[in-house]
Amino acid sequence: MDRVRLSGLLKLELRDGRVIRLCDGGFVPWGSEIYQVTDDVFGMIGSMDVFEEGVGDEVPAFSITFLPASTAAAIDLAAPGMQGSRLRLWLAEIDDLTGQIIGAPDQQVDAQLDQVRLVTGKARRELPMTFVPRGERFFSSNEGNSLSNAFHQSIFPGELGEVNATGLTGAVAWGVEAQQTGRSSGLAAASAAVMAARAGWTNVV
């Protein structure tokens, strides 16, 4: 009977080009990459939060605490330029006899680094790192799809329908009819005044 065990795989692609590959015990080969329990520079994982699901526009964050091998490594990871580094987590089935991955690992998380905090003390050096799902970037006012000339022309080159769409204060809903506004055109206002006069109504100013 085949014996199968589960292993968690972590891949953190830092903004400076370095990549951290960790697993939850021993080492796991996956293609041309090797995932180990400890990284020579950045140490190992100390703890990890439980994942939560978001509702609506909620983007739940979670934390992973690293135990860096040195203070220099901790400072590297905590550098402001590392914000946005991509993190992915997989759950893999391992053949206990051969140590090889069975099938394709199941991806659990695709996130980006948000905040880092260095905690030091007597015989203690921890690096809690907060991650958020990569979809959060679409909540940024400068990213994602927007009703602007630049984005419109990136999809439809040469189409100038949004050139003068600047300084708009009303929200525009995609895919639905525009709601009636509270404003009347000059012709409509004049017609209303004539009808009111015929009915004997007067406006006192």
N, C-alpha and C. Protein backbone atom coordinates (compact mmCIF):
# COMPACT_ATOMS: atom_id res chain seq x y z
N MET A 1 0.84 -1.20 0.00
CA MET A 1 0.00 0.00 0.00
C MET A 1 0.88 1.25 0.00
N ASP A 2 0.55 2.19 -0.90
CA ASP A 2 1.30 3.43 -0.97
C ASP A 2 1.03 4.29 0.25
N ARG A 3 2.09 4.86 0.79
CA ARG A 3 1.95 5.78 1.92
C ARG A 3 2.16 7.20 1.42
N VAL A 4 1.19 8.05 1.70
CA VAL A 4 1.22 9.44 1.22
C VAL A 4 1.19 10.37 2.42
N ARG A 5 2.04 11.37 2.40
CA ARG A 5 2.03 12.39 3.44
C ARG A 5 1.83 13.76 2.79
N LEU A 6 1.39 14.70 3.59
CA LEU A 6 1.15 16.06 3.10
C LEU A 6 2.29 16.98 3.52
N SER A 7 2.60 17.93 2.66
CA SER A 7 3.65 18.90 2.96
C SER A 7 3.22 20.28 2.46
N GLY A 8 3.48 21.29 3.26
CA GLY A 8 3.23 22.66 2.84
C GLY A 8 4.47 23.24 2.17
N LEU A 9 4.26 23.94 1.07
CA LEU A 9 5.37 24.57 0.33
C LEU A 9 5.16 26.08 0.31
N LEU A 10 6.22 26.81 0.57
CA LEU A 10 6.16 28.28 0.58
C LEU A 10 7.21 28.83 -0.38
N LYS A 11 6.77 29.79 -1.20
CA LYS A 11 7.69 30.47 -2.12
C LYS A 11 7.48 31.97 -1.98
N LEU A 12 8.51 32.67 -1.52
CA LEU A 12 8.46 34.13 -1.35
C LEU A 12 9.46 34.75 -2.32
N GLU A 13 8.93 35.46 -3.32
CA GLU A 13 9.76 36.10 -4.34
C GLU A 13 10.00 37.55 -3.94
N LEU A 14 11.19 37.83 -3.44
CA LEU A 14 11.52 39.16 -2.94
C LEU A 14 11.69 40.14 -4.09
N ARG A 15 11.46 41.42 -3.81
CA ARG A 15 11.53 42.44 -4.85
C ARG A 15 12.95 42.64 -5.38
N ASP A 16 13.96 42.20 -4.64
CA ASP A 16 15.34 42.36 -5.12
C ASP A 16 15.81 41.18 -5.96
N GLY A 17 14.92 40.24 -6.26
CA GLY A 17 15.26 39.12 -7.12
C GLY A 17 15.53 37.81 -6.40
N ARG A 18 15.77 37.86 -5.11
CA ARG A 18 16.01 36.63 -4.36
C ARG A 18 14.70 35.89 -4.10
N VAL A 19 14.80 34.57 -3.96
CA VAL A 19 13.62 33.74 -3.75
C VAL A 19 13.84 32.84 -2.53
N ILE A 20 12.85 32.81 -1.64
CA ILE A 20 12.90 31.94 -0.47
C ILE A 20 11.95 30.77 -0.72
N ARG A 21 12.46 29.54 -0.59
CA ARG A 21 11.64 28.34 -0.78
C ARG A 21 11.72 27.50 0.49
N LEU A 22 10.59 27.33 1.15
CA LEU A 22 10.56 26.59 2.42
C LEU A 22 9.47 25.53 2.40
N CYS A 23 9.67 24.48 3.19
CA CYS A 23 8.64 23.46 3.41
C CYS A 23 8.55 23.21 4.91
N ASP A 24 7.62 22.35 5.32
CA ASP A 24 7.39 22.17 6.76
C ASP A 24 8.16 21.00 7.37
N GLY A 25 9.15 20.50 6.65
CA GLY A 25 9.98 19.43 7.21
C GLY A 25 10.87 18.81 6.16
N GLY A 26 12.15 18.57 6.50
CA GLY A 26 13.07 17.94 5.56
C GLY A 26 13.28 18.79 4.33
N PHE A 27 13.16 18.16 3.15
CA PHE A 27 13.25 18.89 1.89
C PHE A 27 12.33 18.21 0.88
N VAL A 28 11.84 19.02 -0.07
CA VAL A 28 10.92 18.52 -1.09
C VAL A 28 11.37 19.03 -2.45
N PRO A 29 11.71 18.12 -3.39
CA PRO A 29 12.03 18.56 -4.75
C PRO A 29 10.74 18.76 -5.55
N TRP A 30 10.69 19.87 -6.29
CA TRP A 30 9.54 20.13 -7.16
C TRP A 30 10.09 20.71 -8.46
N GLY A 31 10.09 19.90 -9.49
CA GLY A 31 10.68 20.32 -10.75
C GLY A 31 12.16 20.59 -10.55
N SER A 32 12.60 21.78 -10.94
CA SER A 32 14.01 22.17 -10.79
C SER A 32 14.27 22.88 -9.47
N GLU A 33 13.26 22.99 -8.62
CA GLU A 33 13.39 23.72 -7.36
C GLU A 33 13.42 22.77 -6.17
N ILE A 34 14.11 23.19 -5.12
CA ILE A 34 14.18 22.43 -3.88
C ILE A 34 13.62 23.29 -2.74
N TYR A 35 12.66 22.74 -2.03
CA TYR A 35 12.07 23.41 -0.87
C TYR A 35 12.63 22.76 0.39
N GLN A 36 13.18 23.57 1.29
CA GLN A 36 13.82 23.06 2.49
C GLN A 36 13.17 23.65 3.73
N VAL A 37 13.41 23.00 4.86
CA VAL A 37 12.82 23.48 6.11
C VAL A 37 13.47 24.76 6.59
N THR A 38 14.73 24.99 6.18
CA THR A 38 15.46 26.19 6.61
C THR A 38 16.18 26.82 5.43
N ASP A 39 16.09 28.14 5.33
CA ASP A 39 16.86 28.89 4.35
C ASP A 39 18.16 29.34 5.00
N ASP A 40 19.27 29.20 4.27
CA ASP A 40 20.58 29.51 4.84
C ASP A 40 20.67 30.95 5.33
N VAL A 41 19.98 31.87 4.67
CA VAL A 41 20.07 33.28 5.02
C VAL A 41 18.88 33.72 5.87
N PHE A 42 17.69 33.36 5.44
CA PHE A 42 16.48 33.91 6.06
C PHE A 42 15.85 33.01 7.12
N GLY A 43 16.47 31.90 7.42
CA GLY A 43 16.01 31.06 8.52
C GLY A 43 14.80 30.21 8.17
N MET A 44 13.86 30.10 9.12
CA MET A 44 12.72 29.20 8.97
C MET A 44 11.44 29.88 9.45
N ILE A 45 10.32 29.17 9.26
CA ILE A 45 9.02 29.68 9.70
C ILE A 45 8.81 29.30 11.16
N GLY A 46 8.44 30.31 11.97
CA GLY A 46 8.15 30.05 13.37
C GLY A 46 6.69 29.74 13.62
N SER A 47 5.80 30.51 12.98
CA SER A 47 4.36 30.30 13.15
C SER A 47 3.62 30.93 11.97
N MET A 48 2.35 30.56 11.85
CA MET A 48 1.53 31.07 10.74
C MET A 48 0.08 31.19 11.20
N ASP A 49 -0.57 32.27 10.80
CA ASP A 49 -1.98 32.46 11.13
C ASP A 49 -2.86 31.50 10.33
N VAL A 50 -4.06 31.30 10.83
CA VAL A 50 -5.07 30.53 10.10
C VAL A 50 -5.67 31.43 9.02
N PHE A 51 -5.86 30.89 7.82
CA PHE A 51 -6.43 31.67 6.72
C PHE A 51 -7.92 31.90 6.97
N GLU A 52 -8.40 33.08 6.54
CA GLU A 52 -9.81 33.43 6.66
C GLU A 52 -10.33 33.87 5.30
N GLU A 53 -11.64 33.68 5.10
CA GLU A 53 -12.28 34.11 3.86
C GLU A 53 -12.82 35.52 4.03
N GLY A 54 -12.76 36.30 2.95
CA GLY A 54 -13.29 37.65 2.97
C GLY A 54 -14.70 37.69 2.40
N VAL A 55 -15.48 38.70 2.79
CA VAL A 55 -16.84 38.88 2.29
C VAL A 55 -16.95 40.27 1.68
N GLY A 56 -17.54 40.35 0.48
CA GLY A 56 -17.68 41.65 -0.19
C GLY A 56 -16.32 42.22 -0.54
N ASP A 57 -16.07 43.47 -0.11
CA ASP A 57 -14.80 44.11 -0.41
C ASP A 57 -13.80 43.94 0.74
N GLU A 58 -14.05 43.00 1.64
CA GLU A 58 -13.12 42.73 2.73
C GLU A 58 -11.95 41.90 2.22
N VAL A 59 -10.74 42.31 2.57
CA VAL A 59 -9.54 41.59 2.16
C VAL A 59 -8.79 41.18 3.43
N PRO A 60 -9.03 39.96 3.91
CA PRO A 60 -8.41 39.55 5.18
C PRO A 60 -6.90 39.35 5.05
N ALA A 61 -6.17 39.88 6.00
CA ALA A 61 -4.72 39.70 6.04
C ALA A 61 -4.38 38.52 6.94
N PHE A 62 -3.18 38.01 6.79
CA PHE A 62 -2.70 36.96 7.68
C PHE A 62 -1.21 37.17 7.89
N SER A 63 -0.69 36.56 8.93
CA SER A 63 0.70 36.81 9.32
C SER A 63 1.51 35.51 9.35
N ILE A 64 2.75 35.61 8.92
CA ILE A 64 3.72 34.52 9.04
C ILE A 64 4.91 35.07 9.81
N THR A 65 5.32 34.37 10.85
CA THR A 65 6.47 34.80 11.64
C THR A 65 7.71 34.02 11.21
N PHE A 66 8.68 34.74 10.69
CA PHE A 66 9.95 34.14 10.29
C PHE A 66 10.94 34.22 11.45
N LEU A 67 11.83 33.25 11.50
CA LEU A 67 12.93 33.25 12.47
C LEU A 67 14.22 33.40 11.68
N PRO A 68 14.61 34.63 11.35
CA PRO A 68 15.77 34.86 10.48
C PRO A 68 17.06 34.38 11.13
N ALA A 69 18.00 33.99 10.27
CA ALA A 69 19.26 33.43 10.75
C ALA A 69 20.16 34.49 11.36
N SER A 70 19.96 35.75 11.00
CA SER A 70 20.82 36.82 11.52
C SER A 70 20.03 38.13 11.52
N THR A 71 20.56 39.10 12.26
CA THR A 71 19.92 40.42 12.28
C THR A 71 20.00 41.08 10.90
N ALA A 72 21.12 40.85 10.20
CA ALA A 72 21.27 41.42 8.86
C ALA A 72 20.20 40.89 7.91
N ALA A 73 19.89 39.58 8.02
CA ALA A 73 18.85 39.00 7.18
C ALA A 73 17.49 39.58 7.53
N ALA A 74 17.25 39.80 8.83
CA ALA A 74 15.99 40.39 9.26
C ALA A 74 15.83 41.80 8.71
N ILE A 75 16.91 42.58 8.74
CA ILE A 75 16.87 43.94 8.22
C ILE A 75 16.61 43.93 6.72
N ASP A 76 17.19 42.96 6.01
CA ASP A 76 16.95 42.83 4.57
C ASP A 76 15.46 42.62 4.29
N LEU A 77 14.84 41.69 5.02
CA LEU A 77 13.43 41.38 4.80
C LEU A 77 12.52 42.54 5.19
N ALA A 78 12.95 43.32 6.19
CA ALA A 78 12.13 44.42 6.69
C ALA A 78 12.32 45.71 5.90
N ALA A 79 13.17 45.71 4.90
CA ALA A 79 13.43 46.92 4.12
C ALA A 79 12.14 47.37 3.41
N PRO A 80 11.90 48.69 3.33
CA PRO A 80 10.67 49.20 2.68
C PRO A 80 10.50 48.71 1.24
N GLY A 81 11.62 48.51 0.54
CA GLY A 81 11.53 48.09 -0.85
C GLY A 81 11.00 46.68 -1.04
N MET A 82 10.91 45.91 0.05
CA MET A 82 10.40 44.54 -0.05
C MET A 82 8.88 44.48 -0.07
N GLN A 83 8.23 45.59 0.26
CA GLN A 83 6.76 45.60 0.26
C GLN A 83 6.24 45.26 -1.13
N GLY A 84 5.29 44.36 -1.20
CA GLY A 84 4.75 43.92 -2.48
C GLY A 84 5.37 42.63 -2.97
N SER A 85 6.35 42.08 -2.25
CA SER A 85 6.94 40.80 -2.64
C SER A 85 5.85 39.72 -2.69
N ARG A 86 5.94 38.85 -3.68
CA ARG A 86 4.88 37.87 -3.90
C ARG A 86 5.10 36.61 -3.06
N LEU A 87 4.04 36.16 -2.39
CA LEU A 87 4.07 34.93 -1.60
C LEU A 87 3.04 33.95 -2.14
N ARG A 88 3.48 32.69 -2.31
CA ARG A 88 2.55 31.64 -2.70
C ARG A 88 2.73 30.43 -1.77
N LEU A 89 1.62 29.80 -1.44
CA LEU A 89 1.63 28.62 -0.58
C LEU A 89 0.89 27.49 -1.29
N TRP A 90 1.45 26.29 -1.23
CA TRP A 90 0.81 25.11 -1.81
C TRP A 90 0.71 24.00 -0.76
N LEU A 91 -0.22 23.10 -0.99
CA LEU A 91 -0.32 21.87 -0.22
C LEU A 91 -0.05 20.73 -1.18
N ALA A 92 0.99 19.94 -0.89
CA ALA A 92 1.43 18.89 -1.81
C ALA A 92 1.31 17.52 -1.17
N GLU A 93 0.99 16.53 -2.01
CA GLU A 93 1.01 15.13 -1.58
C GLU A 93 2.37 14.54 -1.93
N ILE A 94 3.01 13.90 -0.96
CA ILE A 94 4.35 13.36 -1.15
C ILE A 94 4.31 11.84 -1.04
N ASP A 95 4.90 11.15 -2.00
CA ASP A 95 5.08 9.70 -1.90
C ASP A 95 6.11 9.42 -0.82
N ASP A 96 5.71 8.75 0.25
CA ASP A 96 6.59 8.56 1.40
C ASP A 96 7.80 7.69 1.06
N LEU A 97 7.68 6.85 0.03
CA LEU A 97 8.78 5.97 -0.34
C LEU A 97 9.82 6.68 -1.19
N THR A 98 9.37 7.45 -2.18
CA THR A 98 10.31 8.11 -3.11
C THR A 98 10.61 9.55 -2.73
N GLY A 99 9.76 10.17 -1.93
CA GLY A 99 9.95 11.58 -1.58
C GLY A 99 9.54 12.54 -2.69
N GLN A 100 8.90 12.03 -3.74
CA GLN A 100 8.50 12.86 -4.87
C GLN A 100 7.06 13.33 -4.71
N ILE A 101 6.77 14.49 -5.30
CA ILE A 101 5.41 15.03 -5.27
C ILE A 101 4.50 14.22 -6.19
N ILE A 102 3.31 13.93 -5.72
CA ILE A 102 2.31 13.22 -6.50
C ILE A 102 1.38 14.24 -7.15
N GLY A 103 1.31 14.21 -8.47
CA GLY A 103 0.44 15.15 -9.17
C GLY A 103 0.93 16.58 -9.03
N ALA A 104 -0.02 17.51 -9.06
CA ALA A 104 0.31 18.94 -8.96
C ALA A 104 -0.12 19.45 -7.59
N PRO A 105 0.75 20.16 -6.89
CA PRO A 105 0.37 20.74 -5.59
C PRO A 105 -0.83 21.67 -5.74
N ASP A 106 -1.64 21.75 -4.69
CA ASP A 106 -2.84 22.58 -4.67
C ASP A 106 -2.49 23.95 -4.08
N GLN A 107 -2.59 24.99 -4.91
CA GLN A 107 -2.25 26.33 -4.42
C GLN A 107 -3.31 26.83 -3.45
N GLN A 108 -2.88 27.30 -2.28
CA GLN A 108 -3.77 27.77 -1.24
C GLN A 108 -3.82 29.29 -1.15
N VAL A 109 -2.69 29.93 -1.42
CA VAL A 109 -2.58 31.38 -1.22
C VAL A 109 -1.74 32.00 -2.32
N ASP A 110 -2.16 33.17 -2.79
CA ASP A 110 -1.35 34.01 -3.67
C ASP A 110 -1.46 35.42 -3.11
N ALA A 111 -0.43 35.86 -2.40
CA ALA A 111 -0.52 37.11 -1.63
C ALA A 111 0.70 37.98 -1.87
N GLN A 112 0.69 39.15 -1.25
CA GLN A 112 1.82 40.06 -1.34
C GLN A 112 2.16 40.61 0.04
N LEU A 113 3.43 40.90 0.23
CA LEU A 113 3.90 41.40 1.52
C LEU A 113 3.38 42.81 1.77
N ASP A 114 2.83 43.02 2.96
CA ASP A 114 2.27 44.32 3.31
C ASP A 114 3.10 45.01 4.38
N GLN A 115 3.23 44.40 5.55
CA GLN A 115 3.95 45.03 6.65
C GLN A 115 4.90 44.03 7.31
N VAL A 116 6.00 44.56 7.85
CA VAL A 116 7.00 43.74 8.55
C VAL A 116 7.33 44.42 9.87
N ARG A 117 7.50 43.60 10.90
CA ARG A 117 7.84 44.14 12.22
C ARG A 117 8.93 43.26 12.82
N LEU A 118 10.02 43.87 13.25
CA LEU A 118 11.15 43.14 13.84
C LEU A 118 11.00 43.13 15.36
N VAL A 119 10.98 41.93 15.95
CA VAL A 119 10.86 41.76 17.39
C VAL A 119 12.15 41.13 17.90
N THR A 120 12.84 41.82 18.80
CA THR A 120 14.09 41.31 19.35
C THR A 120 14.04 41.31 20.87
N GLY A 121 14.87 40.48 21.45
CA GLY A 121 14.96 40.38 22.90
C GLY A 121 16.09 39.43 23.26
N LYS A 122 16.16 39.06 24.51
CA LYS A 122 17.20 38.15 24.96
C LYS A 122 16.99 36.78 24.31
N ALA A 123 17.98 36.37 23.51
CA ALA A 123 17.92 35.09 22.79
C ALA A 123 16.65 34.98 21.94
N ARG A 124 16.21 36.10 21.40
CA ARG A 124 14.98 36.12 20.61
C ARG A 124 15.11 37.06 19.43
N ARG A 125 14.75 36.58 18.25
CA ARG A 125 14.75 37.42 17.05
C ARG A 125 13.64 36.89 16.13
N GLU A 126 12.55 37.61 16.05
CA GLU A 126 11.41 37.19 15.25
C GLU A 126 11.02 38.29 14.27
N LEU A 127 10.43 37.86 13.16
CA LEU A 127 10.04 38.80 12.12
C LEU A 127 8.61 38.50 11.67
N PRO A 128 7.60 39.03 12.38
CA PRO A 128 6.21 38.86 11.92
C PRO A 128 5.99 39.64 10.62
N MET A 129 5.51 38.95 9.60
CA MET A 129 5.27 39.56 8.29
C MET A 129 3.80 39.41 7.95
N THR A 130 3.15 40.53 7.66
CA THR A 130 1.73 40.52 7.31
C THR A 130 1.57 40.51 5.80
N PHE A 131 0.72 39.61 5.32
CA PHE A 131 0.46 39.48 3.88
C PHE A 131 -1.03 39.72 3.62
N VAL A 132 -1.31 40.24 2.44
CA VAL A 132 -2.69 40.43 1.99
C VAL A 132 -2.83 39.80 0.61
N PRO A 133 -4.02 39.31 0.26
CA PRO A 133 -4.22 38.76 -1.08
C PRO A 133 -3.84 39.76 -2.16
N ARG A 134 -3.29 39.27 -3.25
CA ARG A 134 -2.83 40.16 -4.32
C ARG A 134 -3.99 40.94 -4.94
N GLY A 135 -5.21 40.45 -4.79
CA GLY A 135 -6.36 41.17 -5.32
C GLY A 135 -6.58 42.52 -4.67
N GLU A 136 -5.94 42.77 -3.52
CA GLU A 136 -6.14 44.05 -2.84
C GLU A 136 -5.65 45.21 -3.69
N ARG A 137 -4.72 44.96 -4.61
CA ARG A 137 -4.21 46.07 -5.42
C ARG A 137 -5.31 46.70 -6.28
N PHE A 138 -6.40 45.95 -6.52
CA PHE A 138 -7.49 46.51 -7.30
C PHE A 138 -8.33 47.50 -6.50
N PHE A 139 -8.12 47.54 -5.18
CA PHE A 139 -8.81 48.52 -4.36
C PHE A 139 -8.05 49.84 -4.32
N SER A 140 -6.86 49.86 -4.88
CA SER A 140 -6.08 51.09 -4.92
C SER A 140 -6.65 52.02 -5.97
N SER A 141 -6.67 53.32 -5.68
CA SER A 141 -7.27 54.28 -6.60
C SER A 141 -6.46 54.42 -7.88
N ASN A 142 -5.21 53.99 -7.88
CA ASN A 142 -4.36 54.16 -9.05
C ASN A 142 -4.15 52.87 -9.83
N GLU A 143 -4.83 51.79 -9.43
CA GLU A 143 -4.63 50.52 -10.10
C GLU A 143 -5.98 49.89 -10.43
N GLY A 144 -5.95 48.88 -11.30
CA GLY A 144 -7.18 48.22 -11.69
C GLY A 144 -7.87 48.95 -12.84
N ASN A 145 -9.04 48.47 -13.22
CA ASN A 145 -9.79 49.07 -14.32
C ASN A 145 -10.50 50.33 -13.83
N SER A 146 -10.45 51.38 -14.58
CA SER A 146 -11.11 52.63 -14.20
C SER A 146 -11.65 53.32 -15.44
N LEU A 147 -12.62 54.20 -15.21
CA LEU A 147 -13.23 54.94 -16.31
C LEU A 147 -12.36 56.15 -16.61
N SER A 148 -11.32 55.95 -17.38
CA SER A 148 -10.40 57.03 -17.71
C SER A 148 -9.98 56.89 -19.17
N ASN A 149 -9.52 57.99 -19.74
CA ASN A 149 -9.10 57.97 -21.13
C ASN A 149 -7.90 57.05 -21.34
N ALA A 150 -6.93 57.10 -20.41
CA ALA A 150 -5.72 56.27 -20.56
C ALA A 150 -6.07 54.79 -20.56
N PHE A 151 -6.89 54.35 -19.60
CA PHE A 151 -7.25 52.94 -19.56
C PHE A 151 -8.11 52.55 -20.76
N HIS A 152 -9.07 53.42 -21.13
CA HIS A 152 -9.95 53.13 -22.25
C HIS A 152 -9.14 52.92 -23.53
N GLN A 153 -8.15 53.79 -23.78
CA GLN A 153 -7.36 53.66 -25.00
C GLN A 153 -6.37 52.50 -24.92
N SER A 154 -6.03 52.05 -23.71
CA SER A 154 -5.17 50.87 -23.61
C SER A 154 -5.91 49.62 -24.07
N ILE A 155 -7.25 49.64 -23.97
CA ILE A 155 -8.07 48.52 -24.43
C ILE A 155 -8.54 48.74 -25.87
N PHE A 156 -8.93 49.98 -26.19
CA PHE A 156 -9.42 50.34 -27.52
C PHE A 156 -8.56 51.46 -28.08
N PRO A 157 -7.39 51.15 -28.65
CA PRO A 157 -6.49 52.20 -29.16
C PRO A 157 -7.17 53.09 -30.19
N GLY A 158 -7.00 54.40 -30.02
CA GLY A 158 -7.56 55.35 -30.97
C GLY A 158 -9.01 55.72 -30.73
N GLU A 159 -9.69 55.07 -29.78
CA GLU A 159 -11.08 55.38 -29.47
C GLU A 159 -11.08 56.54 -28.48
N LEU A 160 -11.66 57.68 -28.88
CA LEU A 160 -11.51 58.92 -28.12
C LEU A 160 -12.73 59.29 -27.29
N GLY A 161 -13.59 58.32 -27.01
CA GLY A 161 -14.83 58.62 -26.29
C GLY A 161 -14.64 59.12 -24.87
N GLU A 162 -13.46 58.87 -24.27
CA GLU A 162 -13.23 59.30 -22.89
C GLU A 162 -12.29 60.50 -22.79
N VAL A 163 -11.94 61.11 -23.92
CA VAL A 163 -10.96 62.19 -23.90
C VAL A 163 -11.41 63.34 -23.01
N ASN A 164 -12.67 63.72 -23.10
CA ASN A 164 -13.16 64.86 -22.33
C ASN A 164 -13.85 64.46 -21.03
N ALA A 165 -13.73 63.20 -20.65
CA ALA A 165 -14.37 62.72 -19.42
C ALA A 165 -13.47 63.03 -18.22
N THR A 166 -13.36 64.31 -17.91
CA THR A 166 -12.53 64.73 -16.77
C THR A 166 -13.35 65.58 -15.82
N GLY A 167 -13.01 65.54 -14.56
CA GLY A 167 -13.69 66.36 -13.58
C GLY A 167 -15.13 65.95 -13.31
N LEU A 168 -15.48 64.70 -13.62
CA LEU A 168 -16.85 64.24 -13.41
C LEU A 168 -17.10 64.01 -11.93
N THR A 169 -18.25 64.43 -11.44
CA THR A 169 -18.59 64.22 -10.03
C THR A 169 -19.61 63.11 -9.84
N GLY A 170 -20.31 62.73 -10.88
CA GLY A 170 -21.31 61.68 -10.76
C GLY A 170 -20.71 60.32 -11.03
N ALA A 171 -21.14 59.30 -10.26
CA ALA A 171 -20.65 57.94 -10.48
C ALA A 171 -21.27 57.38 -11.75
N VAL A 172 -20.51 56.59 -12.48
CA VAL A 172 -20.99 55.97 -13.72
C VAL A 172 -21.03 54.47 -13.49
N ALA A 173 -22.19 53.86 -13.67
CA ALA A 173 -22.33 52.41 -13.47
C ALA A 173 -22.16 51.70 -14.80
N TRP A 174 -21.33 50.67 -14.82
CA TRP A 174 -21.11 49.91 -16.04
C TRP A 174 -22.25 48.92 -16.23
N GLY A 175 -22.72 48.78 -17.46
CA GLY A 175 -23.64 47.71 -17.81
C GLY A 175 -25.09 47.94 -17.41
N VAL A 176 -25.44 49.11 -16.89
CA VAL A 176 -26.82 49.39 -16.53
C VAL A 176 -27.20 50.75 -17.08
N GLU A 177 -28.51 51.01 -17.18
CA GLU A 177 -28.95 52.31 -17.66
C GLU A 177 -28.61 53.39 -16.66
N ALA A 178 -28.27 54.55 -17.17
CA ALA A 178 -27.96 55.68 -16.28
C ALA A 178 -29.23 56.09 -15.55
N GLN A 179 -29.09 56.40 -14.26
CA GLN A 179 -30.24 56.83 -13.49
C GLN A 179 -30.63 58.26 -13.86
N GLN A 180 -31.92 58.57 -13.67
CA GLN A 180 -32.39 59.92 -13.93
C GLN A 180 -31.77 60.88 -12.92
N THR A 181 -31.37 62.03 -13.40
CA THR A 181 -30.82 63.04 -12.50
C THR A 181 -31.91 64.00 -12.09
N GLY A 182 -31.63 64.83 -11.11
CA GLY A 182 -32.61 65.79 -10.62
C GLY A 182 -32.63 67.08 -11.41
N ARG A 183 -31.88 67.15 -12.50
CA ARG A 183 -31.79 68.37 -13.27
C ARG A 183 -32.71 68.31 -14.48
N SER A 184 -33.27 69.45 -14.88
CA SER A 184 -34.12 69.52 -16.07
C SER A 184 -33.43 70.38 -17.11
N SER A 185 -33.62 70.01 -18.36
CA SER A 185 -33.05 70.83 -19.42
C SER A 185 -33.82 72.14 -19.52
N GLY A 186 -33.26 73.12 -20.23
CA GLY A 186 -33.93 74.42 -20.38
C GLY A 186 -35.29 74.28 -21.03
N LEU A 187 -35.43 73.43 -22.06
CA LEU A 187 -36.71 73.24 -22.75
C LEU A 187 -37.73 72.62 -21.81
N ALA A 188 -37.31 71.63 -21.02
CA ALA A 188 -38.23 70.97 -20.11
C ALA A 188 -38.71 71.93 -19.04
N ALA A 189 -37.80 72.78 -18.54
CA ALA A 189 -38.17 73.75 -17.50
C ALA A 189 -39.16 74.78 -18.05
N ALA A 190 -38.93 75.23 -19.30
CA ALA A 190 -39.84 76.21 -19.90
C ALA A 190 -41.23 75.61 -20.10
N SER A 191 -41.30 74.36 -20.55
CA SER A 191 -42.58 73.69 -20.76
C SER A 191 -43.34 73.56 -19.45
N ALA A 192 -42.60 73.24 -18.38
CA ALA A 192 -43.24 73.10 -17.07
C ALA A 192 -43.81 74.43 -16.61
N ALA A 193 -43.09 75.54 -16.88
CA ALA A 193 -43.57 76.87 -16.48
C ALA A 193 -44.84 77.24 -17.23
N VAL A 194 -44.90 76.94 -18.53
CA VAL A 194 -46.08 77.25 -19.34
C VAL A 194 -47.29 76.48 -18.83
N MET A 195 -47.10 75.19 -18.54
CA MET A 195 -48.20 74.37 -18.04
C MET A 195 -48.71 74.88 -16.71
N ALA A 196 -47.77 75.32 -15.85
CA ALA A 196 -48.17 75.84 -14.54
C ALA A 196 -48.99 77.12 -14.69
N ALA A 197 -48.59 78.00 -15.64
CA ALA A 197 -49.31 79.26 -15.86
C ALA A 197 -50.72 78.99 -16.36
N ARG A 198 -50.88 78.03 -17.27
CA ARG A 198 -52.19 77.70 -17.79
C ARG A 198 -53.11 77.16 -16.70
N ALA A 199 -52.50 76.49 -15.74
CA ALA A 199 -53.30 75.91 -14.66
C ALA A 199 -53.61 76.92 -13.58
N GLY A 200 -53.11 78.14 -13.72
CA GLY A 200 -53.39 79.18 -12.75
C GLY A 200 -52.41 79.23 -11.60
N TRP A 201 -51.27 78.49 -11.71
CA TRP A 201 -50.27 78.52 -10.65
C TRP A 201 -49.32 79.68 -10.88
N THR A 202 -48.86 80.25 -9.83
CA THR A 202 -47.86 81.30 -9.93
C THR A 202 -46.76 81.04 -8.94
N ASN A 203 -45.58 81.46 -9.29
CA ASN A 203 -44.44 81.35 -8.39
C ASN A 203 -44.13 82.72 -7.82
N VAL A 204 -44.10 82.83 -6.52
CA VAL A 204 -43.77 84.09 -5.87
C VAL A 204 -42.31 84.07 -5.51
N VAL A 205 -41.58 85.06 -6.01
CA VAL A 205 -40.14 85.13 -5.75
C VAL A 205 -39.88 86.20 -4.71
